[in-house]
N, C-alpha and C. Protein backbone atom coordinates (compact mmCIF):
# COMPACT_ATOMS: atom_id res chain seq x y z
N MET A 1 122.65 84.35 74.40
CA MET A 1 121.65 84.70 75.40
C MET A 1 121.05 86.06 75.06
N PHE A 2 119.71 86.14 75.09
CA PHE A 2 119.00 87.37 74.73
C PHE A 2 118.98 88.34 75.90
N LYS A 3 119.36 89.58 75.61
CA LYS A 3 119.28 90.65 76.61
C LYS A 3 118.53 91.81 75.98
N PHE A 4 117.45 92.22 76.63
CA PHE A 4 116.67 93.36 76.17
C PHE A 4 117.27 94.62 76.79
N SER A 5 117.68 95.54 75.95
CA SER A 5 118.40 96.72 76.45
C SER A 5 117.52 97.65 77.29
N PHE A 6 116.21 97.56 77.13
CA PHE A 6 115.30 98.42 77.89
C PHE A 6 114.59 97.66 79.01
N GLU A 7 115.19 96.62 79.51
CA GLU A 7 114.55 95.78 80.53
C GLU A 7 114.22 96.58 81.79
N LYS A 8 115.15 97.43 82.22
CA LYS A 8 114.92 98.25 83.42
C LYS A 8 113.75 99.21 83.20
N LEU A 9 113.67 99.77 82.01
CA LEU A 9 112.57 100.67 81.69
C LEU A 9 111.24 99.90 81.67
N LEU A 10 111.27 98.70 81.13
CA LEU A 10 110.07 97.86 81.11
C LEU A 10 109.62 97.54 82.53
N GLU A 11 110.58 97.21 83.40
CA GLU A 11 110.24 96.95 84.81
C GLU A 11 109.64 98.19 85.47
N PHE A 12 110.22 99.35 85.16
CA PHE A 12 109.70 100.61 85.71
C PHE A 12 108.28 100.86 85.22
N ARG A 13 108.05 100.66 83.93
CA ARG A 13 106.70 100.87 83.37
C ARG A 13 105.70 99.88 83.96
N THR A 14 106.15 98.66 84.24
CA THR A 14 105.27 97.67 84.86
C THR A 14 104.89 98.11 86.27
N GLN A 15 105.87 98.59 87.01
CA GLN A 15 105.58 99.10 88.36
C GLN A 15 104.67 100.32 88.29
N GLU A 16 104.93 101.18 87.33
CA GLU A 16 104.10 102.38 87.15
C GLU A 16 102.65 101.99 86.85
N GLU A 17 102.47 100.98 86.01
CA GLU A 17 101.13 100.51 85.68
C GLU A 17 100.45 99.91 86.92
N ASN A 18 101.20 99.15 87.70
CA ASN A 18 100.64 98.55 88.91
C ASN A 18 100.20 99.62 89.91
N VAL A 19 101.01 100.66 90.06
CA VAL A 19 100.64 101.76 90.96
C VAL A 19 99.39 102.48 90.43
N ALA A 20 99.36 102.71 89.12
CA ALA A 20 98.21 103.38 88.52
C ALA A 20 96.95 102.53 88.68
N ARG A 21 97.09 101.21 88.52
CA ARG A 21 95.94 100.31 88.69
C ARG A 21 95.44 100.35 90.14
N ARG A 22 96.38 100.33 91.10
CA ARG A 22 96.01 100.39 92.51
C ARG A 22 95.30 101.71 92.84
N ASP A 23 95.86 102.82 92.35
CA ASP A 23 95.24 104.13 92.58
C ASP A 23 93.84 104.20 91.97
N TYR A 24 93.70 103.65 90.78
CA TYR A 24 92.39 103.64 90.12
C TYR A 24 91.39 102.83 90.94
N GLN A 25 91.80 101.66 91.40
CA GLN A 25 90.90 100.82 92.20
C GLN A 25 90.50 101.51 93.50
N GLU A 26 91.47 102.15 94.15
CA GLU A 26 91.17 102.85 95.40
C GLU A 26 90.20 104.00 95.16
N SER A 27 90.41 104.76 94.09
CA SER A 27 89.51 105.88 93.80
C SER A 27 88.12 105.37 93.41
N LEU A 28 88.07 104.24 92.74
CA LEU A 28 86.78 103.64 92.37
C LEU A 28 86.03 103.19 93.62
N GLU A 29 86.75 102.58 94.56
CA GLU A 29 86.12 102.16 95.82
C GLU A 29 85.61 103.37 96.60
N ARG A 30 86.41 104.43 96.62
CA ARG A 30 86.00 105.65 97.33
C ARG A 30 84.74 106.25 96.68
N LEU A 31 84.69 106.22 95.35
CA LEU A 31 83.51 106.71 94.64
C LEU A 31 82.28 105.91 95.03
N GLU A 32 82.41 104.60 95.11
CA GLU A 32 81.28 103.75 95.49
C GLU A 32 80.81 104.06 96.91
N ILE A 33 81.75 104.33 97.80
CA ILE A 33 81.39 104.71 99.18
C ILE A 33 80.59 106.01 99.17
N GLU A 34 81.07 106.98 98.41
CA GLU A 34 80.39 108.29 98.34
C GLU A 34 79.01 108.16 97.69
N LYS A 35 78.90 107.31 96.69
CA LYS A 35 77.59 107.08 96.06
C LYS A 35 76.62 106.43 97.04
N ALA A 36 77.14 105.52 97.86
CA ALA A 36 76.30 104.87 98.86
C ALA A 36 75.81 105.89 99.88
N LYS A 37 76.67 106.81 100.29
CA LYS A 37 76.26 107.88 101.21
C LYS A 37 75.18 108.74 100.57
N TYR A 38 75.35 109.03 99.29
CA TYR A 38 74.40 109.84 98.54
C TYR A 38 73.03 109.15 98.50
N GLN A 39 73.02 107.87 98.20
CA GLN A 39 71.77 107.11 98.17
C GLN A 39 71.14 107.03 99.55
N ASN A 40 71.97 106.89 100.57
CA ASN A 40 71.48 106.82 101.94
C ASN A 40 70.77 108.12 102.34
N LEU A 41 71.29 109.25 101.89
CA LEU A 41 70.64 110.53 102.18
C LEU A 41 69.25 110.59 101.53
N PHE A 42 69.13 110.10 100.32
CA PHE A 42 67.82 110.07 99.66
C PHE A 42 66.86 109.17 100.43
N LYS A 43 67.38 108.07 100.93
CA LYS A 43 66.55 107.14 101.70
C LYS A 43 66.06 107.82 102.97
N LYS A 44 66.95 108.53 103.67
CA LYS A 44 66.56 109.24 104.89
C LYS A 44 65.50 110.31 104.59
N GLN A 45 65.69 111.01 103.47
CA GLN A 45 64.72 112.03 103.09
C GLN A 45 63.35 111.40 102.81
N GLU A 46 63.35 110.30 102.12
CA GLU A 46 62.10 109.61 101.80
C GLU A 46 61.41 109.10 103.06
N GLU A 47 62.21 108.56 103.99
CA GLU A 47 61.63 108.07 105.25
C GLU A 47 60.99 109.22 106.05
N ALA A 48 61.64 110.36 106.07
CA ALA A 48 61.09 111.51 106.79
C ALA A 48 59.81 112.00 106.10
N GLN A 49 59.78 112.00 104.80
CA GLN A 49 58.58 112.41 104.07
C GLN A 49 57.43 111.42 104.31
N ASP A 50 57.76 110.15 104.38
CA ASP A 50 56.74 109.14 104.69
C ASP A 50 56.17 109.36 106.09
N GLU A 51 57.04 109.69 107.03
CA GLU A 51 56.59 109.93 108.39
C GLU A 51 55.69 111.17 108.47
N ILE A 52 56.04 112.21 107.72
CA ILE A 52 55.18 113.41 107.67
C ILE A 52 53.82 113.04 107.09
N PHE A 53 53.82 112.27 106.02
CA PHE A 53 52.56 111.85 105.41
C PHE A 53 51.72 111.07 106.41
N PHE A 54 52.36 110.15 107.14
CA PHE A 54 51.66 109.34 108.14
C PHE A 54 51.08 110.24 109.24
N LEU A 55 51.85 111.18 109.73
CA LEU A 55 51.38 112.07 110.81
C LEU A 55 50.22 112.95 110.34
N LYS A 56 50.26 113.41 109.12
CA LYS A 56 49.20 114.27 108.60
C LYS A 56 47.89 113.50 108.40
N ASN A 57 47.98 112.22 108.13
CA ASN A 57 46.79 111.43 107.83
C ASN A 57 46.24 110.68 109.04
N ARG A 58 46.84 110.87 110.20
CA ARG A 58 46.30 110.22 111.40
C ARG A 58 45.02 110.92 111.82
N ASN A 59 44.10 110.14 112.36
CA ASN A 59 42.81 110.69 112.79
C ASN A 59 42.92 111.47 114.09
N GLU A 60 43.96 111.21 114.84
CA GLU A 60 44.11 111.83 116.16
C GLU A 60 44.54 113.28 116.08
N GLY A 61 44.87 113.74 114.95
CA GLY A 61 45.41 115.10 114.84
C GLY A 61 46.92 115.01 114.77
N SER A 62 47.53 115.99 114.19
CA SER A 62 48.97 115.91 114.00
C SER A 62 49.72 116.66 115.09
N ALA A 63 50.88 116.14 115.35
CA ALA A 63 51.76 116.77 116.33
C ALA A 63 52.55 117.83 115.58
N VAL A 64 52.20 119.08 115.81
CA VAL A 64 52.80 120.19 115.08
C VAL A 64 54.31 120.25 115.31
N ASN A 65 54.71 120.05 116.53
CA ASN A 65 56.16 120.11 116.83
C ASN A 65 56.92 119.04 116.03
N LYS A 66 56.36 117.87 115.97
CA LYS A 66 57.02 116.77 115.25
C LYS A 66 57.07 117.08 113.75
N LEU A 67 55.99 117.66 113.20
CA LEU A 67 55.98 118.02 111.78
C LEU A 67 57.02 119.09 111.47
N VAL A 68 57.13 120.07 112.34
CA VAL A 68 58.13 121.14 112.15
C VAL A 68 59.53 120.55 112.22
N GLU A 69 59.73 119.68 113.19
CA GLU A 69 61.04 119.03 113.35
C GLU A 69 61.40 118.21 112.12
N LEU A 70 60.44 117.46 111.59
CA LEU A 70 60.69 116.65 110.40
C LEU A 70 60.94 117.53 109.17
N ASP A 71 60.21 118.64 109.08
CA ASP A 71 60.41 119.56 107.96
C ASP A 71 61.83 120.16 108.00
N GLU A 72 62.27 120.54 109.17
CA GLU A 72 63.63 121.07 109.32
C GLU A 72 64.67 119.97 109.01
N TYR A 73 64.37 118.78 109.43
CA TYR A 73 65.26 117.64 109.16
C TYR A 73 65.39 117.43 107.65
N ILE A 74 64.27 117.48 106.95
CA ILE A 74 64.29 117.30 105.49
C ILE A 74 65.09 118.41 104.83
N ASP A 75 64.94 119.65 105.31
CA ASP A 75 65.73 120.76 104.76
C ASP A 75 67.24 120.50 104.95
N GLY A 76 67.60 120.01 106.14
CA GLY A 76 69.01 119.69 106.40
C GLY A 76 69.52 118.57 105.51
N VAL A 77 68.68 117.56 105.31
CA VAL A 77 69.08 116.44 104.45
C VAL A 77 69.23 116.93 103.01
N GLU A 78 68.36 117.82 102.57
CA GLU A 78 68.47 118.34 101.21
C GLU A 78 69.79 119.10 101.01
N LYS A 79 70.20 119.85 102.03
CA LYS A 79 71.49 120.54 101.95
C LYS A 79 72.63 119.53 101.88
N LYS A 80 72.54 118.47 102.68
CA LYS A 80 73.56 117.43 102.65
C LYS A 80 73.58 116.71 101.30
N ILE A 81 72.41 116.54 100.70
CA ILE A 81 72.31 115.90 99.39
C ILE A 81 73.05 116.74 98.34
N LYS A 82 72.86 118.07 98.39
CA LYS A 82 73.55 118.95 97.44
C LYS A 82 75.07 118.85 97.62
N ILE A 83 75.51 118.85 98.87
CA ILE A 83 76.95 118.74 99.14
C ILE A 83 77.46 117.38 98.67
N GLN A 84 76.72 116.33 98.99
CA GLN A 84 77.15 114.98 98.61
C GLN A 84 77.17 114.81 97.10
N ARG A 85 76.23 115.46 96.40
CA ARG A 85 76.21 115.40 94.93
C ARG A 85 77.53 115.96 94.38
N GLU A 86 77.97 117.08 94.95
CA GLU A 86 79.25 117.67 94.52
C GLU A 86 80.41 116.73 94.82
N ILE A 87 80.37 116.09 95.97
CA ILE A 87 81.43 115.15 96.33
C ILE A 87 81.47 113.99 95.34
N VAL A 88 80.30 113.47 94.98
CA VAL A 88 80.23 112.36 94.02
C VAL A 88 80.75 112.82 92.65
N ILE A 89 80.39 114.01 92.24
CA ILE A 89 80.87 114.54 90.96
C ILE A 89 82.40 114.66 90.98
N ASN A 90 82.94 115.20 92.07
CA ASN A 90 84.39 115.34 92.19
C ASN A 90 85.09 113.98 92.16
N HIS A 91 84.54 113.02 92.89
CA HIS A 91 85.14 111.68 92.91
C HIS A 91 85.03 111.00 91.54
N THR A 92 83.96 111.28 90.82
CA THR A 92 83.81 110.73 89.48
C THR A 92 84.91 111.29 88.57
N GLN A 93 85.18 112.57 88.70
CA GLN A 93 86.25 113.18 87.91
C GLN A 93 87.62 112.59 88.28
N ILE A 94 87.82 112.36 89.57
CA ILE A 94 89.08 111.76 90.02
C ILE A 94 89.24 110.36 89.43
N VAL A 95 88.15 109.59 89.46
CA VAL A 95 88.20 108.23 88.89
C VAL A 95 88.53 108.29 87.40
N GLU A 96 87.93 109.22 86.69
CA GLU A 96 88.21 109.36 85.26
C GLU A 96 89.67 109.72 85.02
N GLN A 97 90.23 110.61 85.86
CA GLN A 97 91.64 110.97 85.73
C GLN A 97 92.54 109.77 86.01
N LYS A 98 92.23 109.03 87.06
CA LYS A 98 93.03 107.85 87.41
C LYS A 98 92.93 106.80 86.31
N GLN A 99 91.76 106.68 85.71
CA GLN A 99 91.58 105.72 84.63
C GLN A 99 92.43 106.11 83.42
N GLU A 100 92.48 107.39 83.14
CA GLU A 100 93.29 107.88 82.02
C GLU A 100 94.78 107.64 82.28
N ILE A 101 95.21 107.88 83.51
CA ILE A 101 96.61 107.62 83.89
C ILE A 101 96.93 106.13 83.72
N LEU A 102 96.00 105.29 84.17
CA LEU A 102 96.18 103.84 84.02
C LEU A 102 96.26 103.45 82.55
N HIS A 103 95.40 104.04 81.75
CA HIS A 103 95.39 103.73 80.31
C HIS A 103 96.73 104.11 79.67
N ILE A 104 97.24 105.26 80.01
CA ILE A 104 98.53 105.71 79.45
C ILE A 104 99.67 104.80 79.91
N ALA A 105 99.67 104.45 81.20
CA ALA A 105 100.72 103.58 81.73
C ALA A 105 100.68 102.21 81.07
N ALA A 106 99.48 101.67 80.89
CA ALA A 106 99.34 100.36 80.24
C ALA A 106 99.81 100.42 78.78
N LYS A 107 99.50 101.52 78.13
CA LYS A 107 99.89 101.71 76.73
C LYS A 107 101.42 101.78 76.60
N GLU A 108 102.06 102.54 77.50
CA GLU A 108 103.52 102.66 77.46
C GLU A 108 104.19 101.30 77.73
N LYS A 109 103.64 100.56 78.67
CA LYS A 109 104.18 99.23 78.96
C LYS A 109 104.01 98.31 77.76
N LYS A 110 102.86 98.37 77.13
CA LYS A 110 102.56 97.51 75.97
C LYS A 110 103.53 97.81 74.82
N ILE A 111 103.85 99.09 74.64
CA ILE A 111 104.79 99.46 73.58
C ILE A 111 106.15 98.80 73.84
N LEU A 112 106.60 98.87 75.08
CA LEU A 112 107.89 98.25 75.42
C LEU A 112 107.83 96.73 75.28
N GLU A 113 106.71 96.13 75.64
CA GLU A 113 106.57 94.68 75.49
C GLU A 113 106.63 94.28 74.02
N LYS A 114 105.98 95.06 73.17
CA LYS A 114 106.01 94.78 71.72
C LYS A 114 107.43 94.93 71.19
N LEU A 115 108.13 95.97 71.67
CA LEU A 115 109.52 96.18 71.25
C LEU A 115 110.38 95.00 71.69
N LYS A 116 110.16 94.52 72.90
CA LYS A 116 110.92 93.38 73.41
C LYS A 116 110.65 92.15 72.54
N GLU A 117 109.38 91.90 72.21
CA GLU A 117 109.04 90.77 71.35
C GLU A 117 109.71 90.88 69.98
N LYS A 118 109.72 92.09 69.44
CA LYS A 118 110.35 92.32 68.13
C LYS A 118 111.85 92.07 68.20
N LYS A 119 112.48 92.60 69.25
CA LYS A 119 113.92 92.40 69.42
C LYS A 119 114.25 90.92 69.64
N TYR A 120 113.38 90.22 70.38
CA TYR A 120 113.59 88.79 70.61
C TYR A 120 113.47 88.02 69.30
N ALA A 121 112.50 88.38 68.47
CA ALA A 121 112.34 87.72 67.17
C ALA A 121 113.57 87.97 66.30
N GLU A 122 114.09 89.20 66.32
CA GLU A 122 115.30 89.51 65.56
C GLU A 122 116.49 88.70 66.08
N PHE A 123 116.58 88.57 67.40
CA PHE A 123 117.65 87.79 68.02
C PHE A 123 117.57 86.34 67.56
N LYS A 124 116.36 85.77 67.60
CA LYS A 124 116.18 84.37 67.19
C LYS A 124 116.55 84.19 65.71
N LYS A 125 116.18 85.15 64.89
CA LYS A 125 116.50 85.08 63.46
C LYS A 125 118.01 85.12 63.26
N ALA A 126 118.68 86.00 63.98
CA ALA A 126 120.14 86.10 63.87
C ALA A 126 120.80 84.81 64.37
N GLU A 127 120.25 84.24 65.46
CA GLU A 127 120.79 82.98 65.98
C GLU A 127 120.64 81.86 64.96
N LYS A 128 119.51 81.80 64.28
CA LYS A 128 119.29 80.77 63.25
C LYS A 128 120.26 80.95 62.09
N LYS A 129 120.53 82.21 61.72
CA LYS A 129 121.47 82.48 60.65
C LYS A 129 122.87 82.01 61.05
N LYS A 130 123.26 82.32 62.28
CA LYS A 130 124.57 81.91 62.78
C LYS A 130 124.66 80.38 62.78
N GLU A 131 123.62 79.74 63.24
CA GLU A 131 123.59 78.27 63.30
C GLU A 131 123.67 77.68 61.90
N ALA A 132 122.94 78.26 60.96
CA ALA A 132 122.96 77.77 59.58
C ALA A 132 124.35 77.96 58.97
N LYS A 133 124.95 79.12 59.20
CA LYS A 133 126.29 79.39 58.68
C LYS A 133 127.30 78.42 59.27
N LYS A 134 127.19 78.17 60.58
CA LYS A 134 128.08 77.23 61.26
C LYS A 134 127.93 75.83 60.66
N ASN A 135 126.68 75.41 60.44
CA ASN A 135 126.42 74.08 59.86
C ASN A 135 126.96 74.00 58.43
N ASP A 136 126.79 75.07 57.65
CA ASP A 136 127.31 75.09 56.28
C ASP A 136 128.83 74.95 56.28
N GLU A 137 129.48 75.68 57.18
CA GLU A 137 130.94 75.61 57.27
C GLU A 137 131.38 74.21 57.67
N LEU A 138 130.64 73.60 58.57
CA LEU A 138 130.95 72.25 59.02
C LEU A 138 130.82 71.25 57.88
N VAL A 139 129.76 71.40 57.08
CA VAL A 139 129.53 70.51 55.94
C VAL A 139 130.63 70.71 54.91
N VAL A 140 131.00 71.96 54.62
CA VAL A 140 132.04 72.24 53.64
C VAL A 140 133.37 71.68 54.14
N THR A 141 133.67 71.83 55.42
CA THR A 141 134.90 71.32 55.98
C THR A 141 134.95 69.80 55.89
N ARG A 142 133.87 69.14 56.16
CA ARG A 142 133.82 67.68 56.04
C ARG A 142 133.97 67.23 54.60
N TYR A 143 133.31 67.95 53.71
CA TYR A 143 133.37 67.59 52.29
C TYR A 143 134.79 67.71 51.76
N ARG A 144 135.50 68.75 52.16
CA ARG A 144 136.87 68.96 51.71
C ARG A 144 137.83 67.94 52.31
N SER A 145 137.55 67.53 53.53
CA SER A 145 138.48 66.59 54.17
C SER A 145 138.24 65.13 53.73
N ASN A 146 137.13 64.84 53.01
CA ASN A 146 136.84 63.49 52.53
C ASN A 146 136.87 63.42 51.01
N PRO A 147 137.99 63.58 50.34
CA PRO A 147 137.99 63.49 48.87
C PRO A 147 138.08 62.07 48.37
């Protein structure tokens, strides 16, 4: 019966890879959420600019208070965009770090899997040798007992 001496380590590396994969997926999802917020801010800014354009081009005259309010709103959104840009950059770096951790964990697991395959092949080869030797001895024993 084949026993891999590093089986516990292989199980640990497999769990480590699974945790790294989960962390990577979670950080990727969080990045997508932050990117969506970032895009939403641009959309809000564009909508406010469209409204300013509409108010300025109306024949009735423009509502100065509304234009000032929209201008201040756009300034606030621009500040939020700068902050959100930094958040997206930070989350991108986190995703890259998690991806690197996952890559290392997968690599370490793969090394152990290859070692296990190699040890299993050696085991099978040794078993075949034992079987062949046993068969040879059996044939020699039969040959000697039938003169």
